Amino acid sequence: MRKYEIMYIVKTTLEKDNVKSINDEFQKIFTSRKSKIVEFKDLGQKKLAYPIKKEINGNYYLLTVEANTEALDEFKRKISINENVIRHVIIRLDEE
């Protein structure tokens, strides 16, 4: 398994319960596929550098995982079709 750092931005117009369910769903993708969540951080609400999909603010989340290919592919698929996620980026961390 490789280690990845994932950052994603969720719309600020959502209820807290909806945001929590989105985060839980993304974490469950990894835990149900024999991957490990190393760290999850709520970085809070921040102003975007430029409007994205008519949004000017976003809730930022950082997820560090040790994941296999199956879990990462499913995460990419789910996050791409979720209309409440404004942007996401996945970075593979090199082994030290």
C-alpha atoms as a PDB file:
ATOM      1  CA  MET A   1       0.000   0.000   0.000  1.00  0.00           C
ATOM      2  CA  ARG A   2       1.089   3.514  -0.736  1.00  0.00           C
ATOM      3  CA  LYS A   3       0.606   6.640   1.299  1.00  0.00           C
ATOM      4  CA  TYR A   4      -1.510   9.465  -0.132  1.00  0.00           C
ATOM      5  CA  GLU A   5      -2.500  12.940   0.957  1.00  0.00           C
ATOM      6  CA  ILE A   6      -5.930  14.061  -0.226  1.00  0.00           C
ATOM      7  CA  MET A   7      -7.352  17.539   0.062  1.00  0.00           C
ATOM      8  CA  TYR A   8     -10.888  18.358  -0.948  1.00  0.00           C
ATOM      9  CA  ILE A   9     -13.165  21.387  -0.717  1.00  0.00           C
ATOM     10  CA  VAL A  10     -16.862  21.068   0.121  1.00  0.00           C
ATOM     11  CA  LYS A  11     -19.515  23.741  -0.460  1.00  0.00           C
ATOM     12  CA  THR A  12     -20.206  25.971   2.552  1.00  0.00           C
ATOM     13  CA  THR A  13     -23.936  26.120   1.810  1.00  0.00           C
ATOM     14  CA  LEU A  14     -24.475  22.567   3.123  1.00  0.00           C
ATOM     15  CA  GLU A  15     -25.877  21.656   6.537  1.00  0.00           C
ATOM     16  CA  LYS A  16     -23.345  20.291   9.048  1.00  0.00           C
ATOM     17  CA  ASP A  17     -25.043  16.883   8.981  1.00  0.00           C
ATOM     18  CA  ASN A  18     -24.634  16.671   5.190  1.00  0.00           C
ATOM     19  CA  VAL A  19     -20.961  17.607   5.412  1.00  0.00           C
ATOM     20  CA  LYS A  20     -20.433  14.995   8.139  1.00  0.00           C
ATOM     21  CA  SER A  21     -22.101  12.316   6.007  1.00  0.00           C
ATOM     22  CA  ILE A  22     -19.874  13.227   3.040  1.00  0.00           C
ATOM     23  CA  ASN A  23     -16.747  12.927   5.197  1.00  0.00           C
ATOM     24  CA  ASP A  24     -17.953   9.646   6.699  1.00  0.00           C
ATOM     25  CA  GLU A  25     -18.703   8.247   3.246  1.00  0.00           C
ATOM     26  CA  PHE A  26     -15.210   9.113   1.978  1.00  0.00           C
ATOM     27  CA  GLN A  27     -13.538   7.605   5.047  1.00  0.00           C
ATOM     28  CA  LYS A  28     -15.674   4.460   4.783  1.00  0.00           C
ATOM     29  CA  ILE A  29     -14.429   3.913   1.217  1.00  0.00           C
ATOM     30  CA  PHE A  30     -10.932   3.385   2.600  1.00  0.00           C
ATOM     31  CA  THR A  31     -11.776   1.471   5.776  1.00  0.00           C
ATOM     32  CA  SER A  32     -14.048  -0.986   3.955  1.00  0.00           C
ATOM     33  CA  ARG A  33     -11.321  -1.807   1.411  1.00  0.00           C
ATOM     34  CA  LYS A  34      -8.510  -2.780   3.791  1.00  0.00           C
ATOM     35  CA  SER A  35      -6.863   0.634   3.719  1.00  0.00           C
ATOM     36  CA  LYS A  36      -5.832   2.739   6.676  1.00  0.00           C
ATOM     37  CA  ILE A  37      -6.724   6.340   7.493  1.00  0.00           C
ATOM     38  CA  VAL A  38      -3.637   7.857   9.067  1.00  0.00           C
ATOM     39  CA  GLU A  39      -5.046  11.331   9.699  1.00  0.00           C
ATOM     40  CA  PHE A  40      -8.158  13.392   9.055  1.00  0.00           C
ATOM     41  CA  LYS A  41      -8.157  17.165   9.534  1.00  0.00           C
ATOM     42  CA  ASP A  42     -10.912  19.725   9.218  1.00  0.00           C
ATOM     43  CA  LEU A  43      -9.020  22.816   8.063  1.00  0.00           C
ATOM     44  CA  GLY A  44     -12.089  25.025   8.362  1.00  0.00           C
ATOM     45  CA  GLN A  45     -13.782  27.464   6.043  1.00  0.00           C
ATOM     46  CA  LYS A  46     -11.583  29.584   3.791  1.00  0.00           C
ATOM     47  CA  LYS A  47     -12.064  32.044   0.984  1.00  0.00           C
ATOM     48  CA  LEU A  48     -11.249  30.596  -2.414  1.00  0.00           C
ATOM     49  CA  ALA A  49      -8.626  32.331  -4.559  1.00  0.00           C
ATOM     50  CA  TYR A  50     -11.206  32.612  -7.336  1.00  0.00           C
ATOM     51  CA  PRO A  51     -14.878  31.619  -7.662  1.00  0.00           C
ATOM     52  CA  ILE A  52     -15.436  27.952  -8.496  1.00  0.00           C
ATOM     53  CA  LYS A  53     -18.934  26.894  -9.600  1.00  0.00           C
ATOM     54  CA  LYS A  54     -20.212  30.239  -8.247  1.00  0.00           C
ATOM     55  CA  GLU A  55     -18.800  29.461  -4.779  1.00  0.00           C
ATOM     56  CA  ILE A  56     -16.462  31.980  -3.112  1.00  0.00           C
ATOM     57  CA  ASN A  57     -15.843  30.054   0.150  1.00  0.00           C
ATOM     58  CA  GLY A  58     -15.238  26.412   0.883  1.00  0.00           C
ATOM     59  CA  ASN A  59     -14.763  23.951   3.744  1.00  0.00           C
ATOM     60  CA  TYR A  60     -11.303  22.389   3.430  1.00  0.00           C
ATOM     61  CA  TYR A  61     -10.514  18.824   4.519  1.00  0.00           C
ATOM     62  CA  LEU A  62      -7.202  16.967   4.565  1.00  0.00           C
ATOM     63  CA  LEU A  63      -7.056  13.189   4.569  1.00  0.00           C
ATOM     64  CA  THR A  64      -3.862  11.146   4.854  1.00  0.00           C
ATOM     65  CA  VAL A  65      -4.299   7.477   3.975  1.00  0.00           C
ATOM     66  CA  GLU A  66      -2.372   4.297   3.287  1.00  0.00           C
ATOM     67  CA  ALA A  67      -4.440   2.862   0.477  1.00  0.00           C
ATOM     68  CA  ASN A  68      -4.442   0.137  -2.113  1.00  0.00           C
ATOM     69  CA  THR A  69      -5.313   0.768  -5.747  1.00  0.00           C
ATOM     70  CA  GLU A  70      -8.881  -0.503  -5.430  1.00  0.00           C
ATOM     71  CA  ALA A  71      -9.722   1.912  -2.601  1.00  0.00           C
ATOM     72  CA  LEU A  72      -8.102   4.878  -4.337  1.00  0.00           C
ATOM     73  CA  ASP A  73      -9.910   4.202  -7.618  1.00  0.00           C
ATOM     74  CA  GLU A  74     -13.264   3.974  -5.837  1.00  0.00           C
ATOM     75  CA  PHE A  75     -12.515   7.212  -3.946  1.00  0.00           C
ATOM     76  CA  LYS A  76     -11.686   9.003  -7.216  1.00  0.00           C
ATOM     77  CA  ARG A  77     -14.918   7.767  -8.751  1.00  0.00           C
ATOM     78  CA  LYS A  78     -17.085   8.795  -5.793  1.00  0.00           C
ATOM     79  CA  ILE A  79     -15.510  12.219  -5.286  1.00  0.00           C
ATOM     80  CA  SER A  80     -15.788  13.034  -9.000  1.00  0.00           C
ATOM     81  CA  ILE A  81     -19.540  12.454  -9.083  1.00  0.00           C
ATOM     82  CA  ASN A  82     -20.300  14.208  -5.770  1.00  0.00           C
ATOM     83  CA  GLU A  83     -21.745  17.606  -6.715  1.00  0.00           C
ATOM     84  CA  ASN A  84     -21.061  19.053  -3.240  1.00  0.00           C
ATOM     85  CA  VAL A  85     -17.292  18.726  -3.635  1.00  0.00           C
ATOM     86  CA  ILE A  86     -15.897  21.777  -5.400  1.00  0.00           C
ATOM     87  CA  ARG A  87     -12.308  20.575  -5.946  1.00  0.00           C
ATOM     88  CA  HIS A  88     -10.004  17.769  -4.874  1.00  0.00           C
ATOM     89  CA  VAL A  89      -6.361  16.822  -5.247  1.00  0.00           C
ATOM     90  CA  ILE A  90      -4.593  13.534  -4.509  1.00  0.00           C
ATOM     91  CA  ILE A  91      -0.835  13.482  -3.915  1.00  0.00           C
ATOM     92  CA  ARG A  92       1.205  10.324  -3.530  1.00  0.00           C
ATOM     93  CA  LEU A  93       3.721  10.719  -0.722  1.00  0.00           C
ATOM     94  CA  ASP A  94       7.147   9.248  -1.384  1.00  0.00           C
ATOM     95  CA  GLU A  95       8.580   6.687   0.975  1.00  0.00           C
ATOM     96  CA  GLU A  96      11.296   8.087   3.194  1.00  0.00           C
END
